[in-house]
Amino acid sequence: FFYCRLLFCQRATRYRCEEPVSFMGALVSHRKYWQKQRTSSTPTAAARYAIVLKVSCVHGRSTMAFRIEDIELGDDTSLLAELVACWRASVEATHAFLTSDDIERIAGYVPDAIASVAHLAACCDENGQVVGFIGVDGAMIEMLFIHPSLRGCGLGSLLLDHAVSEHGATLVDVNEQNGQAVGFYEHYGFEVFDRSETDGMGDPFPILHMRLCPISRGSA
């Protein structure tokens, strides 16, 4: 079991848990258990906020704390390098349909793709190390990657919650061959509405076009 308790943060948006929640395998999203409170007195302030989580597990993992917040890369090449490293670790662990040559080729344009996305949010551990991130452009989730060492802890759902609630994300394209990702989005409430035989680069990796179903999400 995991034990989750949300701590207050001095940021524009706060989340808190009404009661401690114990459950198997994953953090429970704020859609059921958390209240969202606006505390910013300056509407024009940058849309930055932080979620600080303490997660403990009876199966031997020590207590961890994570921070999720909107980020702006600017000229911060070290942060961009962390995001790219997280992307690579995640892809190597989950995209078995890609060869090492495929990954190296894709890695060539990943930094520009990350740097050009409209909204970025990162999940960092207690040491400030990036362990996951999400990118949103308009209604489209352009990227969502979690370090493989922390898959199954619910961090992906928290980042997705942020993308939906703060940036209005309702669309995502998913590699059909990445069954775990497809299942993740379906569990959240996304449904397939179209399919492409190739990816955005014209490579033979089928893409499922998915959209968030309000009815499914509301009844989850």
Protein backbone atom coordinates (compact mmCIF):
# COMPACT_ATOMS: atom_id res chain seq x y z
CA PHE A 1 0.00 0.00 0.00
CA PHE A 2 1.02 3.59 -0.55
CA TYR A 3 0.19 6.39 1.82
CA CYS A 4 -0.30 9.78 0.23
CA ARG A 5 -0.53 13.14 1.96
CA LEU A 6 -0.43 16.45 0.14
CA LEU A 7 1.54 19.24 1.79
CA PHE A 8 0.81 22.95 1.40
CA CYS A 9 3.00 24.92 -0.99
CA GLN A 10 3.44 28.66 -1.25
CA ARG A 11 2.53 28.86 -4.94
CA ALA A 12 -0.28 30.21 -7.08
CA THR A 13 -2.29 27.01 -6.82
CA ARG A 14 -2.56 24.62 -3.90
CA TYR A 15 -3.88 21.13 -3.58
CA ARG A 16 -4.74 19.40 -0.35
CA CYS A 17 -6.02 16.00 0.61
CA GLU A 18 -9.10 15.97 2.83
CA GLU A 19 -8.18 12.61 4.35
CA PRO A 20 -5.12 10.36 4.09
CA VAL A 21 -5.65 7.83 1.32
CA SER A 22 -4.27 4.28 1.32
CA PHE A 23 -4.48 2.18 -1.77
CA MET A 24 -2.73 -0.42 -3.91
CA GLY A 25 -0.13 0.50 -6.48
CA ALA A 26 -0.72 4.13 -7.40
CA LEU A 27 -1.49 7.60 -6.13
CA VAL A 28 -5.13 8.56 -6.42
CA SER A 29 -5.72 11.68 -8.49
CA HIS A 30 -7.26 14.84 -7.09
CA ARG A 31 -10.38 14.25 -9.18
CA LYS A 32 -11.75 12.11 -6.34
CA TYR A 33 -9.84 13.05 -3.22
CA TRP A 34 -8.30 16.48 -3.49
CA GLN A 35 -9.65 19.99 -3.30
CA LYS A 36 -8.03 22.61 -5.46
CA GLN A 37 -7.66 26.05 -3.96
CA ARG A 38 -6.73 29.26 -5.77
CA THR A 39 -4.63 31.57 -3.63
CA SER A 40 -3.08 33.91 -6.18
CA SER A 41 -4.01 37.56 -5.68
CA THR A 42 -2.36 38.57 -8.96
CA PRO A 43 -4.19 37.11 -11.98
CA THR A 44 -1.42 38.24 -14.30
CA ALA A 45 1.22 36.27 -12.43
CA ALA A 46 2.94 33.45 -14.29
CA ALA A 47 0.97 30.22 -14.11
CA ARG A 48 3.37 28.41 -11.83
CA TYR A 49 2.41 26.13 -9.00
CA ALA A 50 3.79 23.20 -7.09
CA ILE A 51 2.43 19.98 -5.70
CA VAL A 52 4.53 18.46 -2.96
CA LEU A 53 3.81 14.83 -2.25
CA LYS A 54 5.10 12.52 0.42
CA VAL A 55 4.78 8.89 -0.57
CA SER A 56 5.75 5.97 1.61
CA CYS A 57 5.46 2.30 0.81
CA VAL A 58 5.42 -0.66 3.19
CA HIS A 59 7.36 -2.69 0.65
CA GLY A 60 10.67 -1.12 1.54
CA ARG A 61 10.80 2.10 -0.48
CA SER A 62 11.69 5.06 1.68
CA THR A 63 9.51 8.16 1.90
CA MET A 64 9.79 10.34 -1.18
CA ALA A 65 8.70 13.87 -1.97
CA PHE A 66 7.95 15.19 -5.46
CA ARG A 67 7.32 18.64 -6.83
CA ILE A 68 5.26 19.26 -9.96
CA GLU A 69 5.40 22.72 -11.49
CA ASP A 70 5.21 24.61 -14.75
CA ILE A 71 8.66 25.40 -16.10
CA GLU A 72 10.18 27.73 -18.68
CA LEU A 73 13.39 26.50 -20.23
CA GLY A 74 14.76 29.77 -21.52
CA ASP A 75 18.52 29.29 -21.88
CA ASP A 76 18.69 26.59 -19.19
CA THR A 77 20.56 23.93 -21.15
CA SER A 78 21.13 21.78 -18.05
CA LEU A 79 17.37 21.47 -17.42
CA LEU A 80 16.79 20.65 -21.08
CA ALA A 81 19.46 17.95 -20.83
CA GLU A 82 17.64 16.47 -17.80
CA LEU A 83 14.37 16.37 -19.71
CA VAL A 84 16.02 14.69 -22.69
CA ALA A 85 17.68 12.14 -20.37
CA CYS A 86 14.29 11.39 -18.80
CA TRP A 87 12.78 11.01 -22.27
CA ARG A 88 15.49 8.56 -23.31
CA ALA A 89 15.20 6.44 -20.17
CA SER A 90 11.42 6.27 -20.53
CA VAL A 91 11.49 5.44 -24.24
CA GLU A 92 14.13 2.75 -23.83
CA ALA A 93 11.98 1.10 -21.14
CA THR A 94 8.59 1.34 -22.86
CA HIS A 95 9.04 1.59 -26.64
CA ALA A 96 10.16 -1.95 -27.40
CA PHE A 97 9.06 -1.54 -31.02
CA LEU A 98 11.86 1.00 -31.61
CA THR A 99 15.36 -0.14 -32.47
CA SER A 100 18.41 1.54 -30.96
CA ASP A 101 18.95 3.25 -34.33
CA ASP A 102 15.36 4.53 -34.24
CA ILE A 103 15.90 6.00 -30.78
CA GLU A 104 19.16 7.67 -31.78
CA ARG A 105 17.52 9.18 -34.87
CA ILE A 106 14.54 10.47 -32.89
CA ALA A 107 16.85 11.81 -30.17
CA GLY A 108 18.25 14.22 -32.71
CA TYR A 109 15.09 16.32 -32.78
CA VAL A 110 13.79 15.73 -29.24
CA PRO A 111 15.57 18.77 -27.69
CA ASP A 112 13.96 21.14 -30.21
CA ALA A 113 10.58 19.46 -29.74
CA ILE A 114 10.75 19.91 -25.98
CA ALA A 115 12.01 23.48 -26.20
CA SER A 116 9.28 24.53 -28.63
CA VAL A 117 6.24 23.14 -26.81
CA ALA A 118 3.90 25.83 -25.48
CA HIS A 119 3.56 24.59 -21.88
CA LEU A 120 5.96 22.36 -19.96
CA ALA A 121 5.53 20.95 -16.47
CA ALA A 122 8.16 18.87 -14.70
CA CYS A 123 8.00 16.48 -11.79
CA CYS A 124 11.14 16.61 -9.64
CA ASP A 125 12.23 14.61 -6.63
CA GLU A 126 13.55 15.94 -3.32
CA ASN A 127 16.96 16.54 -4.87
CA GLY A 128 15.52 18.54 -7.74
CA GLN A 129 16.13 15.75 -10.24
CA VAL A 130 13.61 15.54 -13.09
CA VAL A 131 11.70 12.25 -12.89
CA GLY A 132 8.91 13.08 -15.33
CA PHE A 133 7.47 15.83 -17.51
CA ILE A 134 4.54 16.72 -19.72
CA GLY A 135 4.21 19.12 -22.64
CA VAL A 136 0.98 20.69 -23.88
CA ASP A 137 0.24 22.81 -26.94
CA GLY A 138 -3.35 24.02 -27.19
CA ALA A 139 -5.58 21.03 -26.44
CA MET A 140 -2.89 18.54 -27.47
CA ILE A 141 -0.67 16.62 -25.06
CA GLU A 142 2.54 16.58 -27.07
CA MET A 143 4.63 14.53 -24.65
CA LEU A 144 4.41 12.71 -21.32
CA PHE A 145 7.34 10.74 -19.98
CA ILE A 146 8.10 9.24 -16.56
CA HIS A 147 11.45 7.83 -15.50
CA PRO A 148 11.13 4.02 -15.49
CA SER A 149 12.29 3.78 -11.88
CA LEU A 150 9.09 5.58 -10.80
CA ARG A 151 6.54 4.12 -13.17
CA GLY A 152 3.43 2.93 -11.35
CA CYS A 153 3.64 5.56 -8.61
CA GLY A 154 0.93 7.72 -10.14
CA LEU A 155 3.16 10.59 -11.21
CA GLY A 156 1.94 10.32 -14.80
CA SER A 157 -1.65 10.75 -13.65
CA LEU A 158 -0.70 13.82 -11.61
CA LEU A 159 1.02 15.40 -14.60
CA LEU A 160 -1.99 14.54 -16.75
CA ASP A 161 -4.32 16.07 -14.15
CA HIS A 162 -2.29 19.26 -14.40
CA ALA A 163 -2.40 19.31 -18.20
CA VAL A 164 -6.17 18.85 -18.21
CA SER A 165 -7.09 21.21 -15.39
CA GLU A 166 -4.57 23.99 -16.00
CA HIS A 167 -4.09 23.93 -19.76
CA GLY A 168 -7.31 22.39 -21.06
CA ALA A 169 -5.67 19.35 -22.64
CA THR A 170 -8.16 16.94 -24.23
CA LEU A 171 -6.23 15.31 -27.09
CA VAL A 172 -3.26 12.98 -27.35
CA ASP A 173 -1.58 10.87 -30.03
CA VAL A 174 -0.25 7.50 -28.84
CA ASN A 175 1.85 4.86 -30.53
CA GLU A 176 -0.48 1.92 -31.09
CA GLN A 177 2.41 -0.46 -30.34
CA ASN A 178 2.86 1.08 -26.88
CA GLY A 179 0.08 -0.90 -25.20
CA GLN A 180 0.86 0.35 -21.70
CA ALA A 181 0.48 3.98 -22.77
CA VAL A 182 -2.76 3.23 -24.59
CA GLY A 183 -4.13 1.52 -21.47
CA PHE A 184 -2.99 4.41 -19.27
CA TYR A 185 -4.91 6.98 -21.31
CA GLU A 186 -7.96 4.75 -21.65
CA HIS A 187 -8.04 4.29 -17.87
CA TYR A 188 -7.91 8.05 -17.43
CA GLY A 189 -10.89 8.52 -19.74
CA PHE A 190 -9.47 8.97 -23.23
CA GLU A 191 -10.96 7.14 -26.19
CA VAL A 192 -9.70 6.45 -29.72
CA PHE A 193 -11.44 8.46 -32.43
CA ASP A 194 -9.03 7.96 -35.34
CA ARG A 195 -5.94 6.06 -36.45
CA SER A 196 -2.98 6.80 -38.72
CA GLU A 197 -0.80 4.15 -40.32
CA THR A 198 2.35 6.25 -39.83
CA ASP A 199 3.63 8.65 -37.20
CA GLY A 200 4.18 12.37 -37.64
CA MET A 201 7.56 11.78 -39.28
CA GLY A 202 6.10 9.35 -41.80
CA ASP A 203 7.66 6.32 -40.13
CA PRO A 204 5.68 3.02 -40.09
CA PHE A 205 4.57 3.30 -36.46
CA PRO A 206 0.73 3.46 -36.29
CA ILE A 207 -0.70 6.28 -34.21
CA LEU A 208 -3.96 6.25 -32.25
CA HIS A 209 -5.61 9.66 -32.00
CA MET A 210 -7.39 9.89 -28.64
CA ARG A 211 -9.62 12.46 -26.97
CA LEU A 212 -10.79 12.88 -23.42
CA CYS A 213 -14.34 11.71 -22.91
CA PRO A 214 -16.03 13.98 -20.28
CA ILE A 215 -18.63 11.35 -19.41
CA SER A 216 -16.07 8.60 -18.77
CA ARG A 217 -13.81 10.93 -16.84
CA GLY A 218 -16.61 12.29 -14.70
CA SER A 219 -17.80 8.83 -13.73
CA ALA A 220 -14.33 7.47 -12.96
